[in-house]
C-alpha atoms as a PDB file:
ATOM      1  CA  MET A   1       0.000   0.000   0.000  1.00  0.00           C
ATOM      2  CA  ARG A   2       1.216   3.498  -0.838  1.00  0.00           C
ATOM      3  CA  SER A   3       0.330   6.811   0.737  1.00  0.00           C
ATOM      4  CA  LEU A   4      -0.314   9.300  -2.066  1.00  0.00           C
ATOM      5  CA  LEU A   5      -1.530  12.054   0.250  1.00  0.00           C
ATOM      6  CA  PRO A   6      -0.144  13.306   2.575  1.00  0.00           C
ATOM      7  CA  VAL A   7       2.935  13.157   0.340  1.00  0.00           C
ATOM      8  CA  THR A   8       5.810  11.419   2.115  1.00  0.00           C
ATOM      9  CA  ASP A   9       9.109   9.839   1.187  1.00  0.00           C
ATOM     10  CA  GLN A  10       7.215   6.533   1.188  1.00  0.00           C
ATOM     11  CA  THR A  11       5.016   7.522  -1.759  1.00  0.00           C
ATOM     12  CA  PRO A  12       7.116   6.032  -4.632  1.00  0.00           C
ATOM     13  CA  ALA A  13       6.098   2.461  -5.436  1.00  0.00           C
ATOM     14  CA  GLU A  14       9.508   1.026  -4.566  1.00  0.00           C
ATOM     15  CA  ARG A  15       9.197   2.368  -1.009  1.00  0.00           C
ATOM     16  CA  THR A  16       5.710   1.399   0.061  1.00  0.00           C
ATOM     17  CA  GLY A  17       4.694   1.535   3.702  1.00  0.00           C
ATOM     18  CA  PRO A  18       3.227   3.843   6.337  1.00  0.00           C
ATOM     19  CA  PRO A  19       3.604   7.616   6.226  1.00  0.00           C
ATOM     20  CA  THR A  20       6.668   9.061   7.934  1.00  0.00           C
ATOM     21  CA  GLY A  21       6.043   9.322  11.662  1.00  0.00           C
ATOM     22  CA  ALA A  22       3.456   6.526  11.781  1.00  0.00           C
ATOM     23  CA  ARG A  23       3.744   4.400  14.906  1.00  0.00           C
ATOM     24  CA  THR A  24       5.487   1.053  14.473  1.00  0.00           C
ATOM     25  CA  PRO A  25       3.709  -1.710  16.423  1.00  0.00           C
ATOM     26  CA  ALA A  26       5.658  -3.344  19.231  1.00  0.00           C
ATOM     27  CA  ASP A  27       4.266  -6.761  18.343  1.00  0.00           C
ATOM     28  CA  PRO A  28       6.155  -8.113  15.303  1.00  0.00           C
ATOM     29  CA  GLY A  29       3.223 -10.380  14.543  1.00  0.00           C
ATOM     30  CA  ALA A  30       1.026  -7.348  13.992  1.00  0.00           C
ATOM     31  CA  ARG A  31       3.055  -6.461  10.924  1.00  0.00           C
ATOM     32  CA  THR A  32       1.535  -9.301   8.972  1.00  0.00           C
ATOM     33  CA  ALA A  33      -2.001  -8.337   9.914  1.00  0.00           C
ATOM     34  CA  GLY A  34      -2.160  -5.255   7.741  1.00  0.00           C
ATOM     35  CA  THR A  35      -2.923  -4.552   4.117  1.00  0.00           C
ATOM     36  CA  ARG A  36      -0.560  -6.142   1.615  1.00  0.00           C
ATOM     37  CA  ALA A  37       1.632  -3.724  -0.305  1.00  0.00           C
ATOM     38  CA  SER A  38       1.412  -3.614  -4.101  1.00  0.00           C
ATOM     39  CA  GLY A  39       4.418  -5.145  -5.771  1.00  0.00           C
ATOM     40  CA  THR A  40       7.362  -4.781  -3.385  1.00  0.00           C
ATOM     41  CA  GLY A  41       7.389  -3.472   0.179  1.00  0.00           C
ATOM     42  CA  ARG A  42       5.907  -4.675   3.426  1.00  0.00           C
ATOM     43  CA  ALA A  43       2.348  -4.721   4.662  1.00  0.00           C
ATOM     44  CA  TRP A  44       0.746  -1.988   6.715  1.00  0.00           C
ATOM     45  CA  SER A  45      -0.244  -3.223  10.149  1.00  0.00           C
ATOM     46  CA  LEU A  46      -3.729  -2.690  11.524  1.00  0.00           C
ATOM     47  CA  ASP A  47      -2.181  -0.344  14.080  1.00  0.00           C
ATOM     48  CA  GLU A  48      -0.732   1.818  11.308  1.00  0.00           C
ATOM     49  CA  LEU A  49      -4.054   1.886   9.489  1.00  0.00           C
ATOM     50  CA  ALA A  50      -5.710   2.961  12.737  1.00  0.00           C
ATOM     51  CA  ASP A  51      -3.228   5.830  13.034  1.00  0.00           C
ATOM     52  CA  ALA A  52      -3.968   6.905   9.472  1.00  0.00           C
ATOM     53  CA  TYR A  53      -7.733   6.930  10.114  1.00  0.00           C
ATOM     54  CA  ALA A  54      -7.767   8.235  13.706  1.00  0.00           C
ATOM     55  CA  TYR A  55     -10.668  10.497  14.633  1.00  0.00           C
ATOM     56  CA  PRO A  56      -9.781  14.123  15.345  1.00  0.00           C
ATOM     57  CA  ALA A  57      -9.783  15.417  18.909  1.00  0.00           C
ATOM     58  CA  LEU A  58     -13.322  16.488  19.800  1.00  0.00           C
ATOM     59  CA  PRO A  59     -14.651  19.092  22.217  1.00  0.00           C
ATOM     60  CA  ALA A  60     -16.543  17.759  25.224  1.00  0.00           C
ATOM     61  CA  ASP A  61     -19.911  18.253  23.522  1.00  0.00           C
ATOM     62  CA  GLY A  62     -18.775  17.494  19.972  1.00  0.00           C
ATOM     63  CA  ALA A  63     -19.349  14.574  17.609  1.00  0.00           C
ATOM     64  CA  TRP A  64     -17.774  13.520  14.329  1.00  0.00           C
ATOM     65  CA  LEU A  65     -19.742  11.684  11.656  1.00  0.00           C
ATOM     66  CA  ARG A  66     -17.743   9.907   8.988  1.00  0.00           C
ATOM     67  CA  ALA A  67     -19.075   7.748   6.183  1.00  0.00           C
ATOM     68  CA  ASN A  68     -17.401   4.767   4.563  1.00  0.00           C
ATOM     69  CA  MET A  69     -18.545   3.885   1.062  1.00  0.00           C
ATOM     70  CA  VAL A  70     -17.248   2.193  -2.071  1.00  0.00           C
ATOM     71  CA  SER A  71     -17.896   3.213  -5.665  1.00  0.00           C
ATOM     72  CA  SER A  72     -17.064   1.696  -9.034  1.00  0.00           C
ATOM     73  CA  LEU A  73     -15.363   3.826 -11.695  1.00  0.00           C
ATOM     74  CA  ASP A  74     -18.751   4.456 -13.308  1.00  0.00           C
ATOM     75  CA  GLY A  75     -20.372   5.560 -10.045  1.00  0.00           C
ATOM     76  CA  ALA A  76     -22.163   2.441  -8.797  1.00  0.00           C
ATOM     77  CA  ALA A  77     -22.324   1.869  -5.051  1.00  0.00           C
ATOM     78  CA  GLN A  78     -23.584  -1.695  -5.431  1.00  0.00           C
ATOM     79  CA  HIS A  79     -23.675  -4.591  -7.856  1.00  0.00           C
ATOM     80  CA  GLU A  80     -26.776  -6.760  -7.793  1.00  0.00           C
ATOM     81  CA  GLY A  81     -27.793  -5.046  -4.565  1.00  0.00           C
ATOM     82  CA  ARG A  82     -24.571  -5.585  -2.601  1.00  0.00           C
ATOM     83  CA  SER A  83     -21.338  -3.641  -2.183  1.00  0.00           C
ATOM     84  CA  GLN A  84     -19.075  -6.687  -1.742  1.00  0.00           C
ATOM     85  CA  PRO A  85     -18.431  -7.263  -5.487  1.00  0.00           C
ATOM     86  CA  LEU A  86     -16.795  -3.817  -5.646  1.00  0.00           C
ATOM     87  CA  SER A  87     -14.544  -4.428  -2.646  1.00  0.00           C
ATOM     88  CA  SER A  88     -11.103  -5.975  -2.078  1.00  0.00           C
ATOM     89  CA  ASP A  89      -9.074  -7.432   0.772  1.00  0.00           C
ATOM     90  CA  ALA A  90      -7.501  -4.030   1.432  1.00  0.00           C
ATOM     91  CA  ASP A  91     -10.896  -2.350   1.380  1.00  0.00           C
ATOM     92  CA  MET A  92     -12.235  -4.831   3.926  1.00  0.00           C
ATOM     93  CA  ARG A  93      -9.238  -4.246   6.221  1.00  0.00           C
ATOM     94  CA  ILE A  94      -9.918  -0.521   6.143  1.00  0.00           C
ATOM     95  CA  PHE A  95     -13.631  -1.247   6.657  1.00  0.00           C
ATOM     96  CA  GLY A  96     -12.749  -3.223   9.787  1.00  0.00           C
ATOM     97  CA  THR A  97     -10.352  -0.546  11.001  1.00  0.00           C
ATOM     98  CA  LEU A  98     -12.955   2.202  10.659  1.00  0.00           C
ATOM     99  CA  ARG A  99     -15.425   0.109  12.644  1.00  0.00           C
ATOM    100  CA  ALA A 100     -12.844  -0.584  15.331  1.00  0.00           C
ATOM    101  CA  LEU A 101     -12.263   3.152  15.817  1.00  0.00           C
ATOM    102  CA  ALA A 102     -15.954   4.105  16.084  1.00  0.00           C
ATOM    103  CA  ASP A 103     -18.223   4.391  19.112  1.00  0.00           C
ATOM    104  CA  ALA A 104     -21.235   3.520  16.960  1.00  0.00           C
ATOM    105  CA  VAL A 105     -21.956   2.370  13.412  1.00  0.00           C
ATOM    106  CA  VAL A 106     -25.078   4.065  12.030  1.00  0.00           C
ATOM    107  CA  VAL A 107     -26.808   2.134   9.270  1.00  0.00           C
ATOM    108  CA  GLY A 108     -30.145   2.192   7.475  1.00  0.00           C
ATOM    109  CA  ALA A 109     -32.676  -0.594   7.944  1.00  0.00           C
ATOM    110  CA  GLU A 110     -32.658  -1.543   4.245  1.00  0.00           C
ATOM    111  CA  THR A 111     -28.879  -1.963   4.319  1.00  0.00           C
ATOM    112  CA  VAL A 112     -29.195  -4.150   7.428  1.00  0.00           C
ATOM    113  CA  ARG A 113     -31.596  -6.400   5.562  1.00  0.00           C
ATOM    114  CA  ARG A 114     -29.730  -6.413   2.249  1.00  0.00           C
ATOM    115  CA  GLU A 115     -26.216  -6.904   3.586  1.00  0.00           C
ATOM    116  CA  GLY A 116     -27.178  -9.326   6.378  1.00  0.00           C
ATOM    117  CA  TYR A 117     -25.752  -7.243   9.236  1.00  0.00           C
ATOM    118  CA  ARG A 118     -24.506  -8.985  12.341  1.00  0.00           C
ATOM    119  CA  PRO A 119     -23.246  -7.498  15.627  1.00  0.00           C
ATOM    120  CA  ALA A 120     -19.849  -5.833  15.625  1.00  0.00           C
ATOM    121  CA  ARG A 121     -17.220  -8.021  17.256  1.00  0.00           C
ATOM    122  CA  ALA A 122     -14.384  -7.240  19.610  1.00  0.00           C
ATOM    123  CA  ARG A 123     -10.960  -7.407  17.964  1.00  0.00           C
ATOM    124  CA  GLU A 124      -7.854  -7.977  20.025  1.00  0.00           C
ATOM    125  CA  ALA A 125      -5.745  -5.892  17.623  1.00  0.00           C
ATOM    126  CA  PHE A 126      -7.704  -2.785  18.658  1.00  0.00           C
ATOM    127  CA  ALA A 127      -8.492  -3.640  22.297  1.00  0.00           C
ATOM    128  CA  ALA A 128      -5.762  -1.506  23.903  1.00  0.00           C
ATOM    129  CA  ARG A 129      -6.550   1.446  21.639  1.00  0.00           C
ATOM    130  CA  ARG A 130     -10.234   1.288  22.522  1.00  0.00           C
ATOM    131  CA  ARG A 131      -9.528   1.028  26.257  1.00  0.00           C
ATOM    132  CA  ALA A 132      -7.223   4.060  26.071  1.00  0.00           C
ATOM    133  CA  ALA A 133      -9.971   6.027  24.329  1.00  0.00           C
ATOM    134  CA  GLY A 134     -12.533   5.060  26.983  1.00  0.00           C
ATOM    135  CA  GLN A 135     -14.495   2.920  24.525  1.00  0.00           C
ATOM    136  CA  GLY A 136     -16.255  -0.381  25.046  1.00  0.00           C
ATOM    137  CA  PRO A 137     -15.004  -3.625  23.481  1.00  0.00           C
ATOM    138  CA  ALA A 138     -16.838  -3.042  20.191  1.00  0.00           C
ATOM    139  CA  PRO A 139     -18.923  -0.326  18.547  1.00  0.00           C
ATOM    140  CA  ALA A 140     -22.672  -0.318  18.943  1.00  0.00           C
ATOM    141  CA  ILE A 141     -24.750  -0.790  15.791  1.00  0.00           C
ATOM    142  CA  ALA A 142     -27.420   1.915  15.508  1.00  0.00           C
ATOM    143  CA  VAL A 143     -30.135   1.044  12.995  1.00  0.00           C
ATOM    144  CA  VAL A 144     -32.158   3.898  11.481  1.00  0.00           C
ATOM    145  CA  SER A 145     -35.765   2.911  10.751  1.00  0.00           C
ATOM    146  CA  ALA A 146     -38.942   4.961  10.438  1.00  0.00           C
ATOM    147  CA  SER A 147     -41.268   1.950  10.221  1.00  0.00           C
ATOM    148  CA  LEU A 148     -39.403  -0.330  12.672  1.00  0.00           C
ATOM    149  CA  ALA A 149     -40.079  -3.149  10.191  1.00  0.00           C
ATOM    150  CA  LEU A 150     -37.159  -5.126  11.544  1.00  0.00           C
ATOM    151  CA  ASP A 151     -36.758  -8.773  12.521  1.00  0.00           C
ATOM    152  CA  PHE A 152     -35.862  -8.477  16.196  1.00  0.00           C
ATOM    153  CA  SER A 153     -35.068 -12.211  16.373  1.00  0.00           C
ATOM    154  CA  LEU A 154     -31.936 -11.762  14.247  1.00  0.00           C
ATOM    155  CA  PRO A 155     -28.495 -12.116  15.894  1.00  0.00           C
ATOM    156  CA  LEU A 156     -27.966  -8.379  15.417  1.00  0.00           C
ATOM    157  CA  PHE A 157     -30.547  -7.853  18.164  1.00  0.00           C
ATOM    158  CA  THR A 158     -30.276 -11.068  20.188  1.00  0.00           C
ATOM    159  CA  GLU A 159     -26.508 -11.703  20.301  1.00  0.00           C
ATOM    160  CA  PRO A 160     -24.685  -8.351  20.342  1.00  0.00           C
ATOM    161  CA  LEU A 161     -21.584  -7.844  22.457  1.00  0.00           C
ATOM    162  CA  VAL A 162     -22.743  -4.229  22.796  1.00  0.00           C
ATOM    163  CA  PRO A 163     -26.549  -3.682  22.690  1.00  0.00           C
ATOM    164  CA  THR A 164     -27.866  -2.722  19.262  1.00  0.00           C
ATOM    165  CA  LEU A 165     -29.754   0.570  19.161  1.00  0.00           C
ATOM    166  CA  VAL A 166     -32.654   1.574  16.937  1.00  0.00           C
ATOM    167  CA  LEU A 167     -33.234   5.197  15.949  1.00  0.00           C
ATOM    168  CA  THR A 168     -36.712   6.205  14.907  1.00  0.00           C
ATOM    169  CA  GLY A 169     -39.160   9.114  15.014  1.00  0.00           C
ATOM    170  CA  ALA A 170     -41.680  10.045  17.682  1.00  0.00           C
ATOM    171  CA  ALA A 171     -44.523   8.989  15.389  1.00  0.00           C
ATOM    172  CA  ALA A 172     -43.189   5.479  14.763  1.00  0.00           C
ATOM    173  CA  PRO A 173     -45.894   2.752  14.681  1.00  0.00           C
ATOM    174  CA  PRO A 174     -46.857   2.050  18.329  1.00  0.00           C
ATOM    175  CA  GLU A 175     -47.237  -1.692  17.765  1.00  0.00           C
ATOM    176  CA  ARG A 176     -43.697  -1.909  16.389  1.00  0.00           C
ATOM    177  CA  LEU A 177     -42.385   0.088  19.345  1.00  0.00           C
ATOM    178  CA  ARG A 178     -44.031  -2.422  21.687  1.00  0.00           C
ATOM    179  CA  GLU A 179     -42.533  -5.294  19.685  1.00  0.00           C
ATOM    180  CA  ALA A 180     -39.061  -3.771  20.025  1.00  0.00           C
ATOM    181  CA  GLU A 181     -39.538  -3.308  23.754  1.00  0.00           C
ATOM    182  CA  ARG A 182     -40.679  -6.935  24.182  1.00  0.00           C
ATOM    183  CA  ALA A 183     -37.520  -8.021  22.386  1.00  0.00           C
ATOM    184  CA  GLY A 184     -35.397  -5.935  24.744  1.00  0.00           C
ATOM    185  CA  VAL A 185     -34.221  -3.578  21.994  1.00  0.00           C
ATOM    186  CA  ARG A 186     -33.324  -0.058  23.060  1.00  0.00           C
ATOM    187  CA  VAL A 187     -35.126   2.509  20.908  1.00  0.00           C
ATOM    188  CA  LEU A 188     -33.973   6.142  20.745  1.00  0.00           C
ATOM    189  CA  ILE A 189     -36.304   8.837  19.452  1.00  0.00           C
ATOM    190  CA  ALA A 190     -34.459  11.065  16.991  1.00  0.00           C
ATOM    191  CA  GLY A 191     -37.169  13.040  15.257  1.00  0.00           C
ATOM    192  CA  GLU A 192     -40.514  14.690  15.902  1.00  0.00           C
ATOM    193  CA  GLY A 193     -42.351  12.955  13.058  1.00  0.00           C
ATOM    194  CA  ARG A 194     -42.232   9.394  11.820  1.00  0.00           C
ATOM    195  CA  GLY A 195     -38.735   9.595  10.376  1.00  0.00           C
ATOM    196  CA  VAL A 196     -35.318  10.278  11.838  1.00  0.00           C
ATOM    197  CA  GLU A 197     -33.903  13.798  11.589  1.00  0.00           C
ATOM    198  CA  PRO A 198     -30.168  13.580  10.778  1.00  0.00           C
ATOM    199  CA  ALA A 199     -28.967  16.363  13.090  1.00  0.00           C
ATOM    200  CA  THR A 200     -31.117  15.010  15.914  1.00  0.00           C
ATOM    201  CA  ALA A 201     -29.724  11.507  15.382  1.00  0.00           C
ATOM    202  CA  VAL A 202     -26.157  12.769  15.765  1.00  0.00           C
ATOM    203  CA  ARG A 203     -27.096  14.741  18.885  1.00  0.00           C
ATOM    204  CA  VAL A 204     -29.013  11.864  20.493  1.00  0.00           C
ATOM    205  CA  LEU A 205     -26.139   9.450  19.938  1.00  0.00           C
ATOM    206  CA  ALA A 206     -23.650  11.974  21.336  1.00  0.00           C
ATOM    207  CA  GLU A 207     -25.818  12.285  24.438  1.00  0.00           C
ATOM    208  CA  GLN A 208     -25.345   8.524  24.903  1.00  0.00           C
ATOM    209  CA  GLY A 209     -21.578   9.033  24.843  1.00  0.00           C
ATOM    210  CA  LEU A 210     -21.341   7.825  21.239  1.00  0.00           C
ATOM    211  CA  ARG A 211     -19.457  10.698  19.626  1.00  0.00           C
ATOM    212  CA  ARG A 212     -17.145   8.979  17.115  1.00  0.00           C
ATOM    213  CA  LEU A 213     -19.735   7.970  14.567  1.00  0.00           C
ATOM    214  CA  LEU A 214     -19.410   5.915  11.396  1.00  0.00           C
ATOM    215  CA  THR A 215     -22.166   5.431   8.848  1.00  0.00           C
ATOM    216  CA  GLU A 216     -22.015   2.707   6.232  1.00  0.00           C
ATOM    217  CA  GLY A 217     -25.119   3.892   4.406  1.00  0.00           C
ATOM    218  CA  GLY A 218     -26.995   2.862   2.545  1.00  0.00           C
ATOM    219  CA  PRO A 219     -27.243   5.515  -0.141  1.00  0.00           C
ATOM    220  CA  ARG A 220     -30.550   6.944   1.060  1.00  0.00           C
ATOM    221  CA  LEU A 221     -29.374   7.408   4.653  1.00  0.00           C
ATOM    222  CA  LEU A 222     -26.097   8.939   3.499  1.00  0.00           C
ATOM    223  CA  GLY A 223     -27.973  11.275   1.180  1.00  0.00           C
ATOM    224  CA  HIS A 224     -30.024  12.578   4.099  1.00  0.00           C
ATOM    225  CA  PHE A 225     -26.934  13.085   6.249  1.00  0.00           C
ATOM    226  CA  MET A 226     -25.306  15.007   3.399  1.00  0.00           C
ATOM    227  CA  ALA A 227     -28.353  17.158   2.680  1.00  0.00           C
ATOM    228  CA  ALA A 228     -28.659  18.039   6.383  1.00  0.00           C
ATOM    229  CA  GLY A 229     -25.033  19.201   6.474  1.00  0.00           C
ATOM    230  CA  VAL A 230     -24.007  16.885   9.330  1.00  0.00           C
ATOM    231  CA  LEU A 231     -21.492  14.702   7.476  1.00  0.00           C
ATOM    232  CA  ASP A 232     -17.967  15.637   8.584  1.00  0.00           C
ATOM    233  CA  GLU A 233     -15.899  13.134   6.609  1.00  0.00           C
ATOM    234  CA  LEU A 234     -16.289  10.796   3.666  1.00  0.00           C
ATOM    235  CA  CYS A 235     -14.008   7.771   3.346  1.00  0.00           C
ATOM    236  CA  LEU A 236     -14.575   6.738  -0.252  1.00  0.00           C
ATOM    237  CA  THR A 237     -12.995   3.704  -1.880  1.00  0.00           C
ATOM    238  CA  LEU A 238     -12.726   4.064  -5.653  1.00  0.00           C
ATOM    239  CA  SER A 239     -12.855   0.537  -7.005  1.00  0.00           C
ATOM    240  CA  PRO A 240     -11.127  -0.161 -10.351  1.00  0.00           C
ATOM    241  CA  THR A 241     -14.287  -1.791 -11.680  1.00  0.00           C
ATOM    242  CA  VAL A 242     -17.168  -0.838 -13.943  1.00  0.00           C
ATOM    243  CA  THR A 243     -20.682  -2.236 -13.642  1.00  0.00           C
ATOM    244  CA  ALA A 244     -22.940  -0.352 -16.106  1.00  0.00           C
ATOM    245  CA  GLY A 245     -26.574  -1.051 -15.212  1.00  0.00           C
ATOM    246  CA  ASP A 246     -28.702   1.215 -13.038  1.00  0.00           C
ATOM    247  CA  SER A 247     -27.195   0.758  -9.570  1.00  0.00           C
ATOM    248  CA  GLN A 248     -27.523   3.588  -7.062  1.00  0.00           C
ATOM    249  CA  ARG A 249     -24.771   6.085  -6.412  1.00  0.00           C
ATOM    250  CA  ILE A 250     -23.281   6.252  -2.908  1.00  0.00           C
ATOM    251  CA  ALA A 251     -25.841   8.904  -1.908  1.00  0.00           C
ATOM    252  CA  HIS A 252     -29.481   9.269  -2.877  1.00  0.00           C
ATOM    253  CA  GLY A 253     -32.068  11.625  -1.475  1.00  0.00           C
ATOM    254  CA  PRO A 254     -33.036  15.290  -1.341  1.00  0.00           C
ATOM    255  CA  ALA A 255     -30.951  17.597  -3.525  1.00  0.00           C
ATOM    256  CA  MET A 256     -28.826  20.273  -1.878  1.00  0.00           C
ATOM    257  CA  ALA A 257     -29.438  23.883  -2.848  1.00  0.00           C
ATOM    258  CA  VAL A 258     -25.692  24.442  -3.183  1.00  0.00           C
ATOM    259  CA  PRO A 259     -23.104  21.645  -3.461  1.00  0.00           C
ATOM    260  CA  ALA A 260     -21.123  21.309  -0.223  1.00  0.00           C
ATOM    261  CA  ARG A 261     -17.352  21.512  -0.585  1.00  0.00           C
ATOM    262  CA  PHE A 262     -15.073  18.896   0.969  1.00  0.00           C
ATOM    263  CA  THR A 263     -11.274  18.970   1.032  1.00  0.00           C
ATOM    264  CA  LEU A 264      -9.006  16.027   0.275  1.00  0.00           C
ATOM    265  CA  ALA A 265      -7.374  14.804   3.509  1.00  0.00           C
ATOM    266  CA  GLY A 266      -5.681  11.594   2.413  1.00  0.00           C
ATOM    267  CA  VAL A 267      -5.254   9.004  -0.341  1.00  0.00           C
ATOM    268  CA  LEU A 268      -3.927   5.453  -0.078  1.00  0.00           C
ATOM    269  CA  GLU A 269      -3.501   3.099  -3.030  1.00  0.00           C
ATOM    270  CA  GLU A 270      -3.242  -0.655  -3.433  1.00  0.00           C
ATOM    271  CA  ASP A 271      -3.773  -2.850  -6.478  1.00  0.00           C
ATOM    272  CA  GLY A 272      -5.483   0.000  -8.329  1.00  0.00           C
ATOM    273  CA  PHE A 273      -7.944   0.753  -5.503  1.00  0.00           C
ATOM    274  CA  LEU A 274      -7.854   4.336  -4.203  1.00  0.00           C
ATOM    275  CA  PHE A 275      -8.797   4.832  -0.552  1.00  0.00           C
ATOM    276  CA  THR A 276      -9.654   8.506  -0.172  1.00  0.00           C
ATOM    277  CA  ARG A 277     -10.629  10.692   2.785  1.00  0.00           C
ATOM    278  CA  TYR A 278     -12.476  13.956   2.304  1.00  0.00           C
ATOM    279  CA  GLN A 279     -13.401  16.323   5.142  1.00  0.00           C
ATOM    280  CA  ARG A 280     -15.974  19.074   5.222  1.00  0.00           C
ATOM    281  CA  VAL A 281     -14.546  22.541   4.657  1.00  0.00           C
END
């Protein structure tokens, strides 16, 4: 893997590796756990990836919402309804790293159903980092659903290491609220109507101590976060694939009156995949 931005003396292909100043793990075994370098050079460890994607320092009442999405060269966020065909081993290592750094993973109900979401798991490679940050053993999954049309018997709700949360509006169907309560699911109200209001969702999660937030979509949820102006960072993998067809883009929803400007914060590359980070200006 190469760091293309920030530019470092490691950027040329013959000198792949972590950016200058990145922490070298004390455990030699951790070196083989990272993303494989293209061509020559050693792998990046998970610890080095975690340094590259660390959340910024936050004020006591602040929160940071980052998104992680993948797109083909022709703009598709999915192929045959799933993102996995666009991904790679390196992309999945970064996916796991981003999860391991987050307090909560915010995801739409349709994505939960389509991608077969399961509870986040504790990972020993990140355990010390999470303890030092005052985090639990794994991030909570926070499912956004207006209708609460969810199967509460799934492992996501019955077998989580950290209790799964459900975000919905104050006007959610009462019978579904009762069903969630009977299943022992914790429901947070994050909107005055039936749906979830993006800014309220971020605030409600922050009030629970969940301030380092990661959303994995889907496109409709991400589109609402973008339109509401609450997305702080976009981690976008550009996959060297084309799909044609009519797949959704990474974001879908209400149009913004004026396009919001983001600045490029980092680019990694491996096997033709570009792993970019953009932050809100």
